[in-house]
Amino acid sequence: MAKASTQEWVVMLVLFVSALFIGTVFLQAPAYATEGGGGAYPNGAEDFMAGALPPPGTYFLDYVNYYHASSLKDDNGDRLVPDFDLDVAVNVFRLVHVTRHEILGATWAMHAFVPIVRMDVDATFGRDDKTGLGDIILDPFILGWHWKNVHVTTGLDIYVPVGSYDEDDLANTGRNYWTFEPVAAVTYLSDNGIELSGKFMYDFNLENPDTNYRSGQEFHFDYTAGYHTGKGLAVGIGGYYYYQTTDDELDGDKVEPDGFKGRVFAIGPQAMYSYKNMAFTLKWQKEFEARNRPEGNNFWGKFMYAF
C-alpha cells in the first residue's frame, strides 16, 4: 500500500473531522426531513461512467442545472395546485479526491458538494423566490472497484442542512433536514464502446423539527445507455426513476391520501466530449408519470477538470 502524501493526509484529516462533527450533531440535535414530495438528491445529475471512479488525483466538477415545471401532480396524476409554476437554477461545485490507498481491493476516495440555488415558485396562493447556499453533501469514504469491462463504486452521502429555510416561505434553498444516502453505482463498458451505467440510491430522511413532518424513504436511480466513438465523444440516452417506498408522516401519523408517496420517470438525450484532462456533458431529461411531485423538464451542463 502506497504512503499518503502530505496533501492527501490534509484532505483526509479535514473530511474525517467533518464526518465526526456531523455524527456528533446528529446524535445530539433534533432530526430533520424533507416534505412536500421532494427529495434531497437532484435526480439525473450523473450519466456517463457513473460507476467508474477516476484514477488517483484531485478533480473539480461544476454542475449547472435548470429545472422547470408547470404542474404539480397529485396521487392520481391530476393537477394538485392550479396555476403552478416552478423554476430552479442550481450551480453545484464538487471536489473529488481519489487516494492511492486500497481497502478490500477497492480504491478509497472522498468528495464534497457545495450548491448555490435560485428558486422561483408561483402558485394560486402566492409567489416566492430565494437565492443562496443550498444543503452541502459530504462523503469521506467512497470505494471504487475496477475490472476489465466493469466498474463499481459505493459510498454513503450525507446531506447537511445548512441552506436557508423558513416554514412560512414557498421557496427555500435548504430543506431543513438530514438525509443519509447509501449509494451503489455500476458501469459496463464493452470493448467496442457500448456503455450501460446506473447509480442507485436509497434515502433515509429524518423529521423536520419546525413542522414535525417526516418524509418517507426514497429509492431512485440515474441511468445511461450510450456509445463511445473513440474520438472523445460519447452519445446516448439517460434519465432517472424515483419512487418513494414509505409514507410521509405528520406528528407521527400517516399523511393522507396514501402517505403522499411520490414517483416520477425521466428520459432524454445526452452527450459528452472529453479533451485531455477535461470533459463536457450536456443533457435534457423530460419527466413523465409524476405522482405527488412536480412534472417538468431538466436541463444539465457538466464540466470536469483533472488537476
C-alpha atoms as a PDB file:
ATOM      1  CA  MET A   1       0.000   0.000   0.000  1.00  0.00           C
ATOM      2  CA  ALA A   2       1.370   3.413  -1.008  1.00  0.00           C
ATOM      3  CA  LYS A   3       2.268   6.001   1.597  1.00  0.00           C
ATOM      4  CA  ALA A   4      -0.019   9.030   1.792  1.00  0.00           C
ATOM      5  CA  SER A   5       1.357  12.365   0.619  1.00  0.00           C
ATOM      6  CA  THR A   6       1.115  15.462   2.807  1.00  0.00           C
ATOM      7  CA  GLN A   7      -1.703  16.768   0.592  1.00  0.00           C
ATOM      8  CA  GLU A   8      -3.661  13.510   0.950  1.00  0.00           C
ATOM      9  CA  TRP A   9      -3.265  13.470   4.725  1.00  0.00           C
ATOM     10  CA  VAL A  10      -4.543  17.068   4.950  1.00  0.00           C
ATOM     11  CA  VAL A  11      -7.583  16.282   2.764  1.00  0.00           C
ATOM     12  CA  MET A  12      -8.324  13.090   4.716  1.00  0.00           C
ATOM     13  CA  LEU A  13      -7.974  14.875   8.056  1.00  0.00           C
ATOM     14  CA  VAL A  14     -10.363  17.678   7.046  1.00  0.00           C
ATOM     15  CA  LEU A  15     -13.029  15.250   5.818  1.00  0.00           C
ATOM     16  CA  PHE A  16     -12.564  12.947   8.810  1.00  0.00           C
ATOM     17  CA  VAL A  17     -13.075  15.846  11.234  1.00  0.00           C
ATOM     18  CA  SER A  18     -16.119  16.938   9.208  1.00  0.00           C
ATOM     19  CA  ALA A  19     -17.572  13.432   9.469  1.00  0.00           C
ATOM     20  CA  LEU A  20     -17.014  13.377  13.237  1.00  0.00           C
ATOM     21  CA  PHE A  21     -18.696  16.763  13.551  1.00  0.00           C
ATOM     22  CA  ILE A  22     -21.691  15.576  11.531  1.00  0.00           C
ATOM     23  CA  GLY A  23     -22.013  12.442  13.635  1.00  0.00           C
ATOM     24  CA  THR A  24     -21.848  14.428  16.882  1.00  0.00           C
ATOM     25  CA  VAL A  25     -24.541  16.864  15.746  1.00  0.00           C
ATOM     26  CA  PHE A  26     -26.717  14.006  14.509  1.00  0.00           C
ATOM     27  CA  LEU A  27     -26.604  12.312  17.906  1.00  0.00           C
ATOM     28  CA  GLN A  28     -27.284  15.458  19.914  1.00  0.00           C
ATOM     29  CA  ALA A  29     -29.583  17.641  17.784  1.00  0.00           C
ATOM     30  CA  PRO A  30     -33.216  17.321  16.691  1.00  0.00           C
ATOM     31  CA  ALA A  31     -33.811  15.400  13.461  1.00  0.00           C
ATOM     32  CA  TYR A  32     -34.666  16.955  10.100  1.00  0.00           C
ATOM     33  CA  ALA A  33     -36.518  15.820   6.956  1.00  0.00           C
ATOM     34  CA  THR A  34     -37.876  16.883   3.570  1.00  0.00           C
ATOM     35  CA  GLU A  35     -41.551  17.275   2.794  1.00  0.00           C
ATOM     36  CA  GLY A  36     -43.971  18.141   0.021  1.00  0.00           C
ATOM     37  CA  GLY A  37     -42.946  15.202  -2.170  1.00  0.00           C
ATOM     38  CA  GLY A  38     -39.419  16.443  -2.852  1.00  0.00           C
ATOM     39  CA  GLY A  39     -36.068  14.801  -2.261  1.00  0.00           C
ATOM     40  CA  ALA A  40     -32.561  15.800  -1.263  1.00  0.00           C
ATOM     41  CA  TYR A  41     -30.796  14.363  -4.335  1.00  0.00           C
ATOM     42  CA  PRO A  42     -31.005  16.250  -7.657  1.00  0.00           C
ATOM     43  CA  ASN A  43     -32.311  13.430  -9.842  1.00  0.00           C
ATOM     44  CA  GLY A  44     -30.475  12.974 -13.126  1.00  0.00           C
ATOM     45  CA  ALA A  45     -27.177  14.504 -12.018  1.00  0.00           C
ATOM     46  CA  GLU A  46     -24.990  11.542 -13.085  1.00  0.00           C
ATOM     47  CA  ASP A  47     -24.640   9.953 -16.507  1.00  0.00           C
ATOM     48  CA  PHE A  48     -21.695   8.512 -18.463  1.00  0.00           C
ATOM     49  CA  MET A  49     -19.274   6.287 -16.486  1.00  0.00           C
ATOM     50  CA  ALA A  50     -21.272   6.839 -13.284  1.00  0.00           C
ATOM     51  CA  GLY A  51     -19.819   3.714 -11.678  1.00  0.00           C
ATOM     52  CA  ALA A  52     -16.183   4.332 -12.636  1.00  0.00           C
ATOM     53  CA  LEU A  53     -14.052   6.055 -10.007  1.00  0.00           C
ATOM     54  CA  PRO A  54     -11.295   8.040 -11.792  1.00  0.00           C
ATOM     55  CA  PRO A  55      -7.565   7.367 -11.247  1.00  0.00           C
ATOM     56  CA  PRO A  56      -5.833   8.724  -8.109  1.00  0.00           C
ATOM     57  CA  GLY A  57      -5.760  12.513  -8.098  1.00  0.00           C
ATOM     58  CA  THR A  58      -7.903  15.577  -7.435  1.00  0.00           C
ATOM     59  CA  TYR A  59     -10.843  16.555  -9.637  1.00  0.00           C
ATOM     60  CA  PHE A  60     -13.079  19.608  -9.860  1.00  0.00           C
ATOM     61  CA  LEU A  61     -16.598  19.320 -11.269  1.00  0.00           C
ATOM     62  CA  ASP A  62     -19.146  22.032 -11.926  1.00  0.00           C
ATOM     63  CA  TYR A  63     -22.810  21.084 -12.466  1.00  0.00           C
ATOM     64  CA  VAL A  64     -25.220  23.640 -13.958  1.00  0.00           C
ATOM     65  CA  ASN A  65     -28.882  22.631 -13.714  1.00  0.00           C
ATOM     66  CA  TYR A  66     -32.132  24.329 -14.746  1.00  0.00           C
ATOM     67  CA  TYR A  67     -35.450  22.697 -13.875  1.00  0.00           C
ATOM     68  CA  HIS A  68     -38.870  23.970 -14.946  1.00  0.00           C
ATOM     69  CA  ALA A  69     -42.264  22.519 -14.049  1.00  0.00           C
ATOM     70  CA  SER A  70     -45.694  23.973 -14.827  1.00  0.00           C
ATOM     71  CA  SER A  71     -47.701  21.323 -12.985  1.00  0.00           C
ATOM     72  CA  LEU A  72     -47.745  19.707  -9.553  1.00  0.00           C
ATOM     73  CA  LYS A  73     -49.383  16.276  -9.753  1.00  0.00           C
ATOM     74  CA  ASP A  74     -51.497  14.517  -7.132  1.00  0.00           C
ATOM     75  CA  ASP A  75     -51.722  10.789  -6.395  1.00  0.00           C
ATOM     76  CA  ASN A  76     -53.886  10.239  -9.499  1.00  0.00           C
ATOM     77  CA  GLY A  77     -51.672  12.237 -11.841  1.00  0.00           C
ATOM     78  CA  ASP A  78     -54.070  15.225 -11.911  1.00  0.00           C
ATOM     79  CA  ARG A  79     -53.093  18.816 -11.173  1.00  0.00           C
ATOM     80  CA  LEU A  80     -52.864  19.311  -7.423  1.00  0.00           C
ATOM     81  CA  VAL A  81     -52.330  23.099  -7.459  1.00  0.00           C
ATOM     82  CA  PRO A  82     -53.861  25.393 -10.142  1.00  0.00           C
ATOM     83  CA  ASP A  83     -51.555  27.876 -11.899  1.00  0.00           C
ATOM     84  CA  PHE A  84     -48.439  26.201 -10.524  1.00  0.00           C
ATOM     85  CA  ASP A  85     -45.053  27.241 -11.915  1.00  0.00           C
ATOM     86  CA  LEU A  86     -41.623  26.273 -10.580  1.00  0.00           C
ATOM     87  CA  ASP A  87     -38.181  27.378 -11.783  1.00  0.00           C
ATOM     88  CA  VAL A  88     -34.986  26.176 -10.119  1.00  0.00           C
ATOM     89  CA  ALA A  89     -31.468  27.113 -11.243  1.00  0.00           C
ATOM     90  CA  VAL A  90     -28.530  25.483  -9.463  1.00  0.00           C
ATOM     91  CA  ASN A  91     -24.760  25.654  -9.745  1.00  0.00           C
ATOM     92  CA  VAL A  92     -23.018  22.903  -7.818  1.00  0.00           C
ATOM     93  CA  PHE A  93     -19.269  22.881  -7.103  1.00  0.00           C
ATOM     94  CA  ARG A  94     -17.875  19.409  -6.425  1.00  0.00           C
ATOM     95  CA  LEU A  95     -14.381  18.445  -5.308  1.00  0.00           C
ATOM     96  CA  VAL A  96     -13.287  14.795  -5.560  1.00  0.00           C
ATOM     97  CA  HIS A  97     -10.053  13.390  -4.174  1.00  0.00           C
ATOM     98  CA  VAL A  98      -9.047   9.833  -5.092  1.00  0.00           C
ATOM     99  CA  THR A  99      -6.260   8.400  -2.951  1.00  0.00           C
ATOM    100  CA  ARG A 100      -3.708   5.719  -3.832  1.00  0.00           C
ATOM    101  CA  HIS A 101      -4.901   3.551  -0.944  1.00  0.00           C
ATOM    102  CA  GLU A 102      -6.789   0.294  -1.360  1.00  0.00           C
ATOM    103  CA  ILE A 103      -9.408  -1.145   1.011  1.00  0.00           C
ATOM    104  CA  LEU A 104     -10.896  -4.574   0.270  1.00  0.00           C
ATOM    105  CA  GLY A 105      -9.382  -4.357  -3.200  1.00  0.00           C
ATOM    106  CA  ALA A 106     -11.061  -1.003  -3.879  1.00  0.00           C
ATOM    107  CA  THR A 107      -9.607   2.480  -4.291  1.00  0.00           C
ATOM    108  CA  TRP A 108     -10.532   4.883  -1.478  1.00  0.00           C
ATOM    109  CA  ALA A 109     -11.871   8.340  -2.388  1.00  0.00           C
ATOM    110  CA  MET A 110     -13.856  11.221  -0.884  1.00  0.00           C
ATOM    111  CA  HIS A 111     -15.914  14.146  -2.155  1.00  0.00           C
ATOM    112  CA  ALA A 112     -17.859  17.277  -1.185  1.00  0.00           C
ATOM    113  CA  PHE A 113     -20.622  19.239  -2.969  1.00  0.00           C
ATOM    114  CA  VAL A 114     -21.462  22.927  -2.436  1.00  0.00           C
ATOM    115  CA  PRO A 115     -24.641  24.111  -4.278  1.00  0.00           C
ATOM    116  CA  ILE A 116     -25.779  27.669  -4.993  1.00  0.00           C
ATOM    117  CA  VAL A 117     -29.554  27.695  -5.577  1.00  0.00           C
ATOM    118  CA  ARG A 118     -32.038  30.089  -7.182  1.00  0.00           C
ATOM    119  CA  MET A 119     -35.711  29.084  -6.735  1.00  0.00           C
ATOM    120  CA  ASP A 120     -38.848  30.805  -8.001  1.00  0.00           C
ATOM    121  CA  VAL A 121     -42.309  29.417  -7.098  1.00  0.00           C
ATOM    122  CA  ASP A 122     -45.611  30.793  -8.392  1.00  0.00           C
ATOM    123  CA  ALA A 123     -48.992  29.304  -7.441  1.00  0.00           C
ATOM    124  CA  THR A 124     -52.605  30.325  -6.838  1.00  0.00           C
ATOM    125  CA  PHE A 125     -51.934  31.013  -3.164  1.00  0.00           C
ATOM    126  CA  GLY A 126     -48.794  33.083  -3.597  1.00  0.00           C
ATOM    127  CA  ARG A 127     -45.375  33.668  -5.136  1.00  0.00           C
ATOM    128  CA  ASP A 128     -41.909  33.471  -3.619  1.00  0.00           C
ATOM    129  CA  ASP A 129     -38.277  33.423  -4.730  1.00  0.00           C
ATOM    130  CA  LYS A 130     -34.961  32.957  -2.987  1.00  0.00           C
ATOM    131  CA  THR A 131     -31.252  32.699  -3.844  1.00  0.00           C
ATOM    132  CA  GLY A 132     -28.495  31.340  -1.630  1.00  0.00           C
ATOM    133  CA  LEU A 133     -26.417  28.454  -0.392  1.00  0.00           C
ATOM    134  CA  GLY A 134     -28.062  25.048  -0.566  1.00  0.00           C
ATOM    135  CA  ASP A 135     -27.512  21.992   1.623  1.00  0.00           C
ATOM    136  CA  ILE A 136     -23.984  20.605   1.236  1.00  0.00           C
ATOM    137  CA  ILE A 137     -23.098  16.946   0.685  1.00  0.00           C
ATOM    138  CA  LEU A 138     -20.110  15.118   2.205  1.00  0.00           C
ATOM    139  CA  ASP A 139     -18.789  11.587   1.809  1.00  0.00           C
ATOM    140  CA  PRO A 140     -15.342  10.793   3.284  1.00  0.00           C
ATOM    141  CA  PHE A 141     -15.456   7.074   2.458  1.00  0.00           C
ATOM    142  CA  ILE A 142     -16.035   6.149  -1.196  1.00  0.00           C
ATOM    143  CA  LEU A 143     -14.796   2.803  -2.540  1.00  0.00           C
ATOM    144  CA  GLY A 144     -14.260   2.012  -6.233  1.00  0.00           C
ATOM    145  CA  TRP A 145     -13.538  -1.377  -7.833  1.00  0.00           C
ATOM    146  CA  HIS A 146     -12.298  -1.855 -11.401  1.00  0.00           C
ATOM    147  CA  TRP A 147     -12.302  -4.906 -13.675  1.00  0.00           C
ATOM    148  CA  LYS A 148     -11.763  -5.196 -17.431  1.00  0.00           C
ATOM    149  CA  ASN A 149     -15.201  -4.009 -18.525  1.00  0.00           C
ATOM    150  CA  VAL A 150     -16.989  -3.419 -15.230  1.00  0.00           C
ATOM    151  CA  HIS A 151     -16.592  -0.654 -12.641  1.00  0.00           C
ATOM    152  CA  VAL A 152     -18.393  -0.414  -9.284  1.00  0.00           C
ATOM    153  CA  THR A 153     -18.428   2.476  -6.784  1.00  0.00           C
ATOM    154  CA  THR A 154     -20.099   2.628  -3.360  1.00  0.00           C
ATOM    155  CA  GLY A 155     -20.466   5.313  -0.705  1.00  0.00           C
ATOM    156  CA  LEU A 156     -22.660   6.984   1.905  1.00  0.00           C
ATOM    157  CA  ASP A 157     -23.559  10.573   1.021  1.00  0.00           C
ATOM    158  CA  ILE A 158     -24.562  12.813   3.941  1.00  0.00           C
ATOM    159  CA  TYR A 159     -26.777  15.845   3.228  1.00  0.00           C
ATOM    160  CA  VAL A 160     -26.071  18.593   5.757  1.00  0.00           C
ATOM    161  CA  PRO A 161     -28.934  21.142   6.236  1.00  0.00           C
ATOM    162  CA  VAL A 162     -27.035  24.442   6.053  1.00  0.00           C
ATOM    163  CA  GLY A 163     -29.226  26.103   3.393  1.00  0.00           C
ATOM    164  CA  SER A 164     -31.769  28.806   4.184  1.00  0.00           C
ATOM    165  CA  TYR A 165     -35.151  27.513   5.381  1.00  0.00           C
ATOM    166  CA  ASP A 166     -38.347  29.103   6.709  1.00  0.00           C
ATOM    167  CA  GLU A 167     -41.509  27.052   7.117  1.00  0.00           C
ATOM    168  CA  ASP A 168     -43.633  30.068   6.074  1.00  0.00           C
ATOM    169  CA  ASP A 169     -41.804  30.504   2.735  1.00  0.00           C
ATOM    170  CA  LEU A 170     -42.755  28.795  -0.539  1.00  0.00           C
ATOM    171  CA  ALA A 171     -39.145  28.941  -1.796  1.00  0.00           C
ATOM    172  CA  ASN A 172     -36.232  27.633   0.272  1.00  0.00           C
ATOM    173  CA  THR A 173     -32.636  26.983  -0.767  1.00  0.00           C
ATOM    174  CA  GLY A 174     -32.280  24.422   2.061  1.00  0.00           C
ATOM    175  CA  ARG A 175     -34.646  21.631   3.063  1.00  0.00           C
ATOM    176  CA  ASN A 176     -34.072  21.733   6.838  1.00  0.00           C
ATOM    177  CA  TYR A 177     -33.396  18.028   7.114  1.00  0.00           C
ATOM    178  CA  TRP A 178     -30.601  15.471   7.315  1.00  0.00           C
ATOM    179  CA  THR A 179     -30.546  12.745   4.679  1.00  0.00           C
ATOM    180  CA  PHE A 180     -28.318   9.665   4.778  1.00  0.00           C
ATOM    181  CA  GLU A 181     -27.996   8.108   1.343  1.00  0.00           C
ATOM    182  CA  PRO A 182     -26.246   4.776   0.624  1.00  0.00           C
ATOM    183  CA  VAL A 183     -25.021   4.760  -2.985  1.00  0.00           C
ATOM    184  CA  ALA A 184     -24.025   1.954  -5.363  1.00  0.00           C
ATOM    185  CA  ALA A 185     -23.070   2.790  -8.959  1.00  0.00           C
ATOM    186  CA  VAL A 186     -22.060   0.387 -11.736  1.00  0.00           C
ATOM    187  CA  THR A 187     -20.734   0.885 -15.264  1.00  0.00           C
ATOM    188  CA  TYR A 188     -20.316  -1.696 -18.022  1.00  0.00           C
ATOM    189  CA  LEU A 189     -18.165  -0.516 -20.935  1.00  0.00           C
ATOM    190  CA  SER A 190     -17.676  -3.042 -23.745  1.00  0.00           C
ATOM    191  CA  ASP A 191     -14.564  -3.289 -25.869  1.00  0.00           C
ATOM    192  CA  ASN A 192     -16.450  -1.742 -28.801  1.00  0.00           C
ATOM    193  CA  GLY A 193     -17.613   1.307 -26.807  1.00  0.00           C
ATOM    194  CA  ILE A 194     -21.139   0.391 -25.722  1.00  0.00           C
ATOM    195  CA  GLU A 195     -21.900   1.625 -22.201  1.00  0.00           C
ATOM    196  CA  LEU A 196     -24.566   0.824 -19.612  1.00  0.00           C
ATOM    197  CA  SER A 197     -24.418   2.760 -16.334  1.00  0.00           C
ATOM    198  CA  GLY A 198     -26.609   3.162 -13.276  1.00  0.00           C
ATOM    199  CA  LYS A 199     -26.292   4.997  -9.970  1.00  0.00           C
ATOM    200  CA  PHE A 200     -28.639   3.505  -7.343  1.00  0.00           C
ATOM    201  CA  MET A 201     -29.542   5.358  -4.124  1.00  0.00           C
ATOM    202  CA  TYR A 202     -31.778   4.879  -1.087  1.00  0.00           C
ATOM    203  CA  ASP A 203     -32.575   7.866   1.153  1.00  0.00           C
ATOM    204  CA  PHE A 204     -33.278   7.828   4.877  1.00  0.00           C
ATOM    205  CA  ASN A 205     -34.878  11.128   5.922  1.00  0.00           C
ATOM    206  CA  LEU A 206     -35.390  12.462   9.435  1.00  0.00           C
ATOM    207  CA  GLU A 207     -38.081  14.696  10.923  1.00  0.00           C
ATOM    208  CA  ASN A 208     -38.330  18.439  10.349  1.00  0.00           C
ATOM    209  CA  PRO A 209     -38.430  19.985  13.872  1.00  0.00           C
ATOM    210  CA  ASP A 210     -40.119  23.155  12.594  1.00  0.00           C
ATOM    211  CA  THR A 211     -43.128  21.310  11.157  1.00  0.00           C
ATOM    212  CA  ASN A 212     -42.963  17.833  12.783  1.00  0.00           C
ATOM    213  CA  TYR A 213     -43.118  16.411   9.251  1.00  0.00           C
ATOM    214  CA  ARG A 214     -41.109  13.343   8.273  1.00  0.00           C
ATOM    215  CA  SER A 215     -40.834  12.249   4.654  1.00  0.00           C
ATOM    216  CA  GLY A 216     -40.761   8.603   3.736  1.00  0.00           C
ATOM    217  CA  GLN A 217     -37.766   6.663   2.491  1.00  0.00           C
ATOM    218  CA  GLU A 218     -36.896   7.043  -1.194  1.00  0.00           C
ATOM    219  CA  PHE A 219     -35.419   4.728  -3.833  1.00  0.00           C
ATOM    220  CA  HIS A 220     -34.095   6.322  -7.014  1.00  0.00           C
ATOM    221  CA  PHE A 221     -31.509   5.831  -9.727  1.00  0.00           C
ATOM    222  CA  ASP A 222     -29.871   7.659 -12.632  1.00  0.00           C
ATOM    223  CA  TYR A 223     -29.237   5.611 -15.780  1.00  0.00           C
ATOM    224  CA  THR A 224     -27.350   5.863 -19.082  1.00  0.00           C
ATOM    225  CA  ALA A 225     -27.191   3.803 -22.254  1.00  0.00           C
ATOM    226  CA  GLY A 226     -24.531   5.180 -24.555  1.00  0.00           C
ATOM    227  CA  TYR A 227     -21.838   4.709 -27.150  1.00  0.00           C
ATOM    228  CA  HIS A 228     -18.215   5.954 -27.047  1.00  0.00           C
ATOM    229  CA  THR A 229     -16.883   6.779 -30.515  1.00  0.00           C
ATOM    230  CA  GLY A 230     -13.212   6.518 -29.548  1.00  0.00           C
ATOM    231  CA  LYS A 231     -12.617  10.157 -30.543  1.00  0.00           C
ATOM    232  CA  GLY A 232     -13.510  11.722 -27.193  1.00  0.00           C
ATOM    233  CA  LEU A 233     -17.231  11.795 -27.955  1.00  0.00           C
ATOM    234  CA  ALA A 234     -19.939   9.762 -26.211  1.00  0.00           C
ATOM    235  CA  VAL A 235     -23.660   9.938 -27.029  1.00  0.00           C
ATOM    236  CA  GLY A 236     -26.703   8.208 -25.634  1.00  0.00           C
ATOM    237  CA  ILE A 237     -29.934   8.418 -23.704  1.00  0.00           C
ATOM    238  CA  GLY A 238     -30.391   8.678 -19.963  1.00  0.00           C
ATOM    239  CA  GLY A 239     -32.544   9.899 -17.150  1.00  0.00           C
ATOM    240  CA  TYR A 240     -33.822   8.788 -13.778  1.00  0.00           C
ATOM    241  CA  TYR A 241     -36.500   6.921 -11.870  1.00  0.00           C
ATOM    242  CA  TYR A 242     -37.741   7.955  -8.424  1.00  0.00           C
ATOM    243  CA  TYR A 243     -40.082   6.019  -6.137  1.00  0.00           C
ATOM    244  CA  GLN A 244     -40.955   6.778  -2.508  1.00  0.00           C
ATOM    245  CA  THR A 245     -41.178   3.493  -0.607  1.00  0.00           C
ATOM    246  CA  THR A 246     -42.687   4.535   2.757  1.00  0.00           C
ATOM    247  CA  ASP A 247     -45.333   7.040   3.893  1.00  0.00           C
ATOM    248  CA  ASP A 248     -44.815  10.662   4.839  1.00  0.00           C
ATOM    249  CA  GLU A 249     -45.793  11.355   8.457  1.00  0.00           C
ATOM    250  CA  LEU A 250     -47.044  14.461  10.266  1.00  0.00           C
ATOM    251  CA  ASP A 251     -46.906  14.387  14.082  1.00  0.00           C
ATOM    252  CA  GLY A 252     -46.319  10.637  13.796  1.00  0.00           C
ATOM    253  CA  ASP A 253     -49.465   9.999  11.712  1.00  0.00           C
ATOM    254  CA  LYS A 254     -49.619   8.948   8.056  1.00  0.00           C
ATOM    255  CA  VAL A 255     -50.233  11.831   5.653  1.00  0.00           C
ATOM    256  CA  GLU A 256     -53.366  11.295   3.578  1.00  0.00           C
ATOM    257  CA  PRO A 257     -54.068  10.353   0.906  1.00  0.00           C
ATOM    258  CA  ASP A 258     -51.836   7.275   0.632  1.00  0.00           C
ATOM    259  CA  GLY A 259     -48.909   8.738   2.572  1.00  0.00           C
ATOM    260  CA  PHE A 260     -48.246  11.356  -0.150  1.00  0.00           C
ATOM    261  CA  LYS A 261     -45.820   8.934  -1.835  1.00  0.00           C
ATOM    262  CA  GLY A 262     -44.053  10.444  -4.832  1.00  0.00           C
ATOM    263  CA  ARG A 263     -42.781   8.899  -8.051  1.00  0.00           C
ATOM    264  CA  VAL A 264     -41.523  10.088 -11.427  1.00  0.00           C
ATOM    265  CA  PHE A 265     -39.673   8.799 -14.511  1.00  0.00           C
ATOM    266  CA  ALA A 266     -37.484  10.846 -16.883  1.00  0.00           C
ATOM    267  CA  ILE A 267     -35.658  10.181 -20.156  1.00  0.00           C
ATOM    268  CA  GLY A 268     -33.778  12.234 -22.729  1.00  0.00           C
ATOM    269  CA  PRO A 269     -30.672  12.636 -24.938  1.00  0.00           C
ATOM    270  CA  GLN A 270     -27.175  13.303 -23.629  1.00  0.00           C
ATOM    271  CA  ALA A 271     -23.652  13.783 -24.982  1.00  0.00           C
ATOM    272  CA  MET A 272     -20.140  14.045 -23.505  1.00  0.00           C
ATOM    273  CA  TYR A 273     -16.916  15.319 -25.054  1.00  0.00           C
ATOM    274  CA  SER A 274     -13.535  14.603 -23.433  1.00  0.00           C
ATOM    275  CA  TYR A 275     -10.396  16.587 -24.254  1.00  0.00           C
ATOM    276  CA  LYS A 276      -7.079  15.960 -22.487  1.00  0.00           C
ATOM    277  CA  ASN A 277      -7.797  16.445 -18.745  1.00  0.00           C
ATOM    278  CA  MET A 278     -11.287  17.903 -19.237  1.00  0.00           C
ATOM    279  CA  ALA A 279     -14.798  16.653 -20.049  1.00  0.00           C
ATOM    280  CA  PHE A 280     -18.019  18.455 -21.009  1.00  0.00           C
ATOM    281  CA  THR A 281     -21.542  16.977 -20.772  1.00  0.00           C
ATOM    282  CA  LEU A 282     -24.924  18.273 -21.947  1.00  0.00           C
ATOM    283  CA  LYS A 283     -28.314  16.595 -21.427  1.00  0.00           C
ATOM    284  CA  TRP A 284     -32.065  17.102 -21.366  1.00  0.00           C
ATOM    285  CA  GLN A 285     -34.469  14.952 -19.322  1.00  0.00           C
ATOM    286  CA  LYS A 286     -38.243  15.007 -19.806  1.00  0.00           C
ATOM    287  CA  GLU A 287     -40.363  13.822 -16.849  1.00  0.00           C
ATOM    288  CA  PHE A 288     -43.386  11.510 -17.127  1.00  0.00           C
ATOM    289  CA  GLU A 289     -45.915   9.804 -14.826  1.00  0.00           C
ATOM    290  CA  ALA A 290     -45.274  12.094 -11.847  1.00  0.00           C
ATOM    291  CA  ARG A 291     -47.282  11.467  -8.690  1.00  0.00           C
ATOM    292  CA  ASN A 292     -47.301  13.808  -5.666  1.00  0.00           C
ATOM    293  CA  ARG A 293     -44.462  15.765  -7.299  1.00  0.00           C
ATOM    294  CA  PRO A 294     -43.865  18.450  -9.905  1.00  0.00           C
ATOM    295  CA  GLU A 295     -43.589  17.221 -13.508  1.00  0.00           C
ATOM    296  CA  GLY A 296     -41.349  19.142 -15.877  1.00  0.00           C
ATOM    297  CA  ASN A 297     -38.053  19.311 -17.770  1.00  0.00           C
ATOM    298  CA  ASN A 298     -34.481  19.040 -16.507  1.00  0.00           C
ATOM    299  CA  PHE A 299     -31.535  20.613 -18.349  1.00  0.00           C
ATOM    300  CA  TRP A 300     -27.926  19.895 -17.349  1.00  0.00           C
ATOM    301  CA  GLY A 301     -24.439  21.024 -18.184  1.00  0.00           C
ATOM    302  CA  LYS A 302     -21.384  19.491 -16.506  1.00  0.00           C
ATOM    303  CA  PHE A 303     -17.682  20.332 -16.615  1.00  0.00           C
ATOM    304  CA  MET A 304     -14.884  18.165 -15.182  1.00  0.00           C
ATOM    305  CA  TYR A 305     -11.237  19.166 -14.761  1.00  0.00           C
ATOM    306  CA  ALA A 306      -8.482  16.805 -13.566  1.00  0.00           C
ATOM    307  CA  PHE A 307      -5.603  18.517 -11.738  1.00  0.00           C
END
